[in-house]
Amino acid sequence: MRKSIALFFLALYAAAGIAIPSPSVSYACSCADVQPDEALAGAKLVFAGEVLRVKEQQRPAGILGPIEYREANQFKVTALWKGVDQSEQIVFDNGSESSCGIDFKVGTRYLVYAYQERNGDAYTGLCSAKELAAAGDDLRMLGPGSEPQRIVDLDGDMRWLFIQDYGVVLLLGVLGLVVLLIAASLTWRRRRKKQA
């Protein structure tokens, strides 16, 4: 009797550990005082632009890892200094200011220093982007900048990010599985009727 009670509580404890999601990783953010010339040298992309759209994206960290949240920010580029030659740019951030993300506001203009990940995504954060109205020292050091040479429309890319969203992929996968099961069931019933 004691063994079965002990096994019951052990199984309950194990089930609770599996069913209760673990908290996601968060990091505190503090910004070092980086001079504009250092920021320019370290960044892959440097531009000024107005935020057109912000979209939160969920993506899994590996197959069984926690779901990470990030924000895709679509900018209309108004001036550029480094690495950008197009009229729009998508830059990601970590979404939360506590994780060094930045709360970009649609319609607001920013000076953005962005860095590139191995997969090609451009990233920025709380310490490497600022509202254009507060970027006087940076703008004096950078100079006037140049205008974008290539006119692009990245609305389709922003829609594609929605399709790639982990929740949408999961939903589409479940719907696909349901459709497959219904088709298999109907096929099985037809064959059974023909045999009878």
Protein backbone atom coordinates (compact mmCIF):
# COMPACT_ATOMS: atom_id res chain seq x y z
CA MET A 1 0.00 0.00 0.00
CA ARG A 2 2.79 2.45 0.90
CA LYS A 3 4.58 1.65 -2.34
CA SER A 4 1.50 2.40 -4.42
CA ILE A 5 0.92 5.70 -2.57
CA ALA A 6 4.58 6.64 -3.03
CA LEU A 7 4.42 5.73 -6.73
CA PHE A 8 1.19 7.73 -7.11
CA PHE A 9 2.79 10.87 -5.62
CA LEU A 10 5.96 10.33 -7.64
CA ALA A 11 3.90 10.08 -10.84
CA LEU A 12 1.87 13.15 -9.82
CA TYR A 13 5.07 15.11 -9.14
CA ALA A 14 6.53 14.07 -12.51
CA ALA A 15 3.32 14.98 -14.33
CA ALA A 16 3.23 18.38 -12.64
CA GLY A 17 6.82 19.01 -13.71
CA ILE A 18 5.96 18.22 -17.30
CA ALA A 19 2.64 20.10 -17.36
CA ILE A 20 3.85 23.29 -15.70
CA PRO A 21 5.73 25.41 -18.21
CA SER A 22 9.10 26.68 -17.16
CA PRO A 23 9.59 30.44 -17.11
CA SER A 24 11.29 31.94 -20.12
CA VAL A 25 14.78 33.33 -19.81
CA SER A 26 15.01 37.05 -19.22
CA TYR A 27 18.03 39.28 -18.95
CA ALA A 28 18.44 42.63 -17.28
CA CYS A 29 19.46 45.40 -19.61
CA SER A 30 21.85 48.23 -18.94
CA CYS A 31 23.42 50.37 -21.63
CA ALA A 32 27.07 51.38 -21.73
CA ASP A 33 27.84 54.92 -22.81
CA VAL A 34 28.87 54.28 -26.43
CA GLN A 35 30.08 57.19 -28.50
CA PRO A 36 28.43 57.66 -31.93
CA ASP A 37 31.66 56.87 -33.84
CA GLU A 38 32.03 53.59 -31.89
CA ALA A 39 28.39 52.71 -32.54
CA LEU A 40 28.88 53.41 -36.26
CA ALA A 41 32.00 51.25 -36.41
CA GLY A 42 30.33 48.31 -34.63
CA ALA A 43 27.01 48.33 -36.49
CA LYS A 44 26.26 46.57 -39.77
CA LEU A 45 23.39 48.93 -40.67
CA VAL A 46 22.94 52.58 -39.68
CA PHE A 47 19.91 54.53 -40.82
CA ALA A 48 17.18 56.95 -39.80
CA GLY A 49 13.61 56.00 -40.48
CA GLU A 50 9.96 56.12 -39.52
CA VAL A 51 8.28 53.04 -38.06
CA LEU A 52 5.55 51.79 -40.41
CA ARG A 53 4.55 48.58 -38.62
CA VAL A 54 5.48 46.52 -35.55
CA LYS A 55 4.64 42.82 -35.36
CA GLU A 56 5.33 40.41 -32.51
CA GLN A 57 6.64 37.06 -33.67
CA GLN A 58 6.90 33.80 -31.74
CA ARG A 59 9.47 31.23 -32.68
CA PRO A 60 10.70 28.10 -30.94
CA ALA A 61 14.29 27.97 -29.74
CA GLY A 62 15.14 24.61 -31.27
CA ILE A 63 12.73 21.72 -31.58
CA LEU A 64 11.89 21.37 -27.88
CA GLY A 65 13.16 24.70 -26.59
CA PRO A 66 11.09 27.51 -25.11
CA ILE A 67 9.18 29.86 -27.36
CA GLU A 68 11.08 33.10 -27.93
CA TYR A 69 9.32 36.37 -28.61
CA ARG A 70 10.73 39.07 -30.79
CA GLU A 71 9.33 42.04 -32.66
CA ALA A 72 9.68 42.77 -36.36
CA ASN A 73 9.80 46.50 -37.03
CA GLN A 74 9.25 47.81 -40.55
CA PHE A 75 10.89 51.18 -41.23
CA LYS A 76 10.61 53.69 -44.04
CA VAL A 77 14.26 54.70 -44.41
CA THR A 78 14.75 58.47 -44.70
CA ALA A 79 18.56 58.71 -44.39
CA LEU A 80 21.30 56.11 -44.38
CA TRP A 81 24.92 55.93 -43.38
CA LYS A 82 25.96 52.29 -43.49
CA GLY A 83 24.81 48.98 -44.97
CA VAL A 84 21.38 50.05 -46.21
CA ASP A 85 20.52 51.16 -49.73
CA GLN A 86 16.77 50.55 -49.82
CA SER A 87 13.72 52.62 -48.96
CA GLU A 88 12.39 50.16 -46.33
CA GLN A 89 14.10 47.95 -43.78
CA ILE A 90 12.90 45.29 -41.32
CA VAL A 91 14.79 45.24 -38.04
CA PHE A 92 14.10 42.87 -35.16
CA ASP A 93 14.38 43.50 -31.44
CA ASN A 94 13.75 41.40 -28.34
CA GLY A 95 10.40 43.05 -27.70
CA SER A 96 10.77 43.70 -24.00
CA GLU A 97 12.83 46.56 -22.60
CA SER A 98 13.83 44.29 -19.70
CA SER A 99 15.48 42.05 -22.33
CA CYS A 100 17.09 45.03 -24.11
CA GLY A 101 14.29 45.32 -26.66
CA ILE A 102 12.83 48.67 -27.58
CA ASP A 103 9.21 49.72 -27.71
CA PHE A 104 9.12 51.19 -31.23
CA LYS A 105 6.08 53.39 -31.84
CA VAL A 106 4.42 53.46 -35.27
CA GLY A 107 4.78 56.90 -36.87
CA THR A 108 7.85 57.84 -34.80
CA ARG A 109 11.26 58.45 -36.40
CA TYR A 110 14.37 56.75 -35.03
CA LEU A 111 18.11 56.57 -35.58
CA VAL A 112 18.93 52.87 -35.72
CA TYR A 113 22.26 51.10 -35.32
CA ALA A 114 21.57 47.48 -36.27
CA TYR A 115 23.65 44.32 -36.10
CA GLN A 116 23.27 41.23 -38.23
CA GLU A 117 22.75 37.66 -37.04
CA ARG A 118 24.19 34.67 -38.89
CA ASN A 119 20.82 34.06 -40.56
CA GLY A 120 20.88 37.58 -42.02
CA ASP A 121 18.26 39.15 -39.72
CA ALA A 122 19.07 42.70 -38.64
CA TYR A 123 18.72 43.30 -34.87
CA THR A 124 18.70 46.40 -32.73
CA GLY A 125 17.79 47.13 -29.15
CA LEU A 126 17.32 49.56 -26.34
CA CYS A 127 21.00 50.56 -26.40
CA SER A 128 21.39 50.92 -30.17
CA ALA A 129 18.33 52.86 -31.32
CA LYS A 130 16.92 56.19 -30.23
CA GLU A 131 14.23 58.61 -31.24
CA LEU A 132 15.53 60.98 -33.88
CA ALA A 133 14.59 63.99 -31.76
CA ALA A 134 17.06 62.78 -29.07
CA ALA A 135 19.87 61.82 -31.47
CA GLY A 136 21.48 65.26 -31.94
CA ASP A 137 25.05 64.24 -30.99
CA ASP A 138 24.87 61.17 -33.22
CA LEU A 139 23.49 63.12 -36.18
CA ARG A 140 26.20 65.81 -35.86
CA MET A 141 28.90 63.12 -35.94
CA LEU A 142 27.25 61.11 -38.75
CA GLY A 143 26.60 64.08 -41.04
CA PRO A 144 23.67 64.41 -43.44
CA GLY A 145 23.55 60.81 -44.66
CA SER A 146 22.31 59.77 -48.09
CA GLU A 147 18.95 58.88 -49.58
CA PRO A 148 17.92 55.28 -50.32
CA GLN A 149 18.76 54.19 -53.89
CA ARG A 150 16.43 51.18 -54.21
CA ILE A 151 12.68 51.62 -53.74
CA VAL A 152 11.22 48.50 -52.09
CA ASP A 153 7.93 47.51 -50.47
CA LEU A 154 8.39 45.09 -47.56
CA ASP A 155 4.69 44.68 -46.68
CA GLY A 156 4.77 41.16 -48.16
CA ASP A 157 7.79 40.27 -46.03
CA MET A 158 5.94 41.42 -42.91
CA ARG A 159 2.94 39.25 -43.88
CA TRP A 160 5.31 36.29 -44.42
CA LEU A 161 6.63 36.78 -40.87
CA PHE A 162 3.05 36.27 -39.64
CA ILE A 163 2.85 32.98 -41.55
CA GLN A 164 6.18 31.89 -40.02
CA ASP A 165 4.92 32.67 -36.51
CA TYR A 166 5.16 29.59 -34.28
CA GLY A 167 1.50 29.77 -33.21
CA VAL A 168 0.29 29.99 -36.82
CA VAL A 169 2.57 27.13 -37.90
CA LEU A 170 1.29 25.03 -35.02
CA LEU A 171 -2.35 25.83 -35.88
CA LEU A 172 -1.81 25.05 -39.58
CA GLY A 173 -0.08 21.79 -38.64
CA VAL A 174 -2.99 20.71 -36.43
CA LEU A 175 -5.52 21.66 -39.13
CA GLY A 176 -3.52 19.72 -41.71
CA LEU A 177 -3.45 16.68 -39.44
CA VAL A 178 -7.24 16.87 -38.92
CA VAL A 179 -7.84 17.09 -42.68
CA LEU A 180 -5.51 14.14 -43.24
CA LEU A 181 -7.31 12.07 -40.60
CA ILE A 182 -10.73 12.89 -42.10
CA ALA A 183 -9.52 11.95 -45.59
CA ALA A 184 -8.05 8.67 -44.29
CA SER A 185 -11.28 7.88 -42.44
CA LEU A 186 -13.42 8.52 -45.53
CA THR A 187 -11.11 6.40 -47.69
CA TRP A 188 -11.21 3.56 -45.16
CA ARG A 189 -15.04 3.70 -45.02
CA ARG A 190 -15.35 3.58 -48.84
CA ARG A 191 -13.07 0.57 -49.04
CA ARG A 192 -14.98 -1.17 -46.31
CA LYS A 193 -18.30 -0.53 -48.10
CA LYS A 194 -16.90 -1.95 -51.37
CA GLN A 195 -15.73 -5.09 -49.59
CA ALA A 196 -19.13 -5.67 -47.95
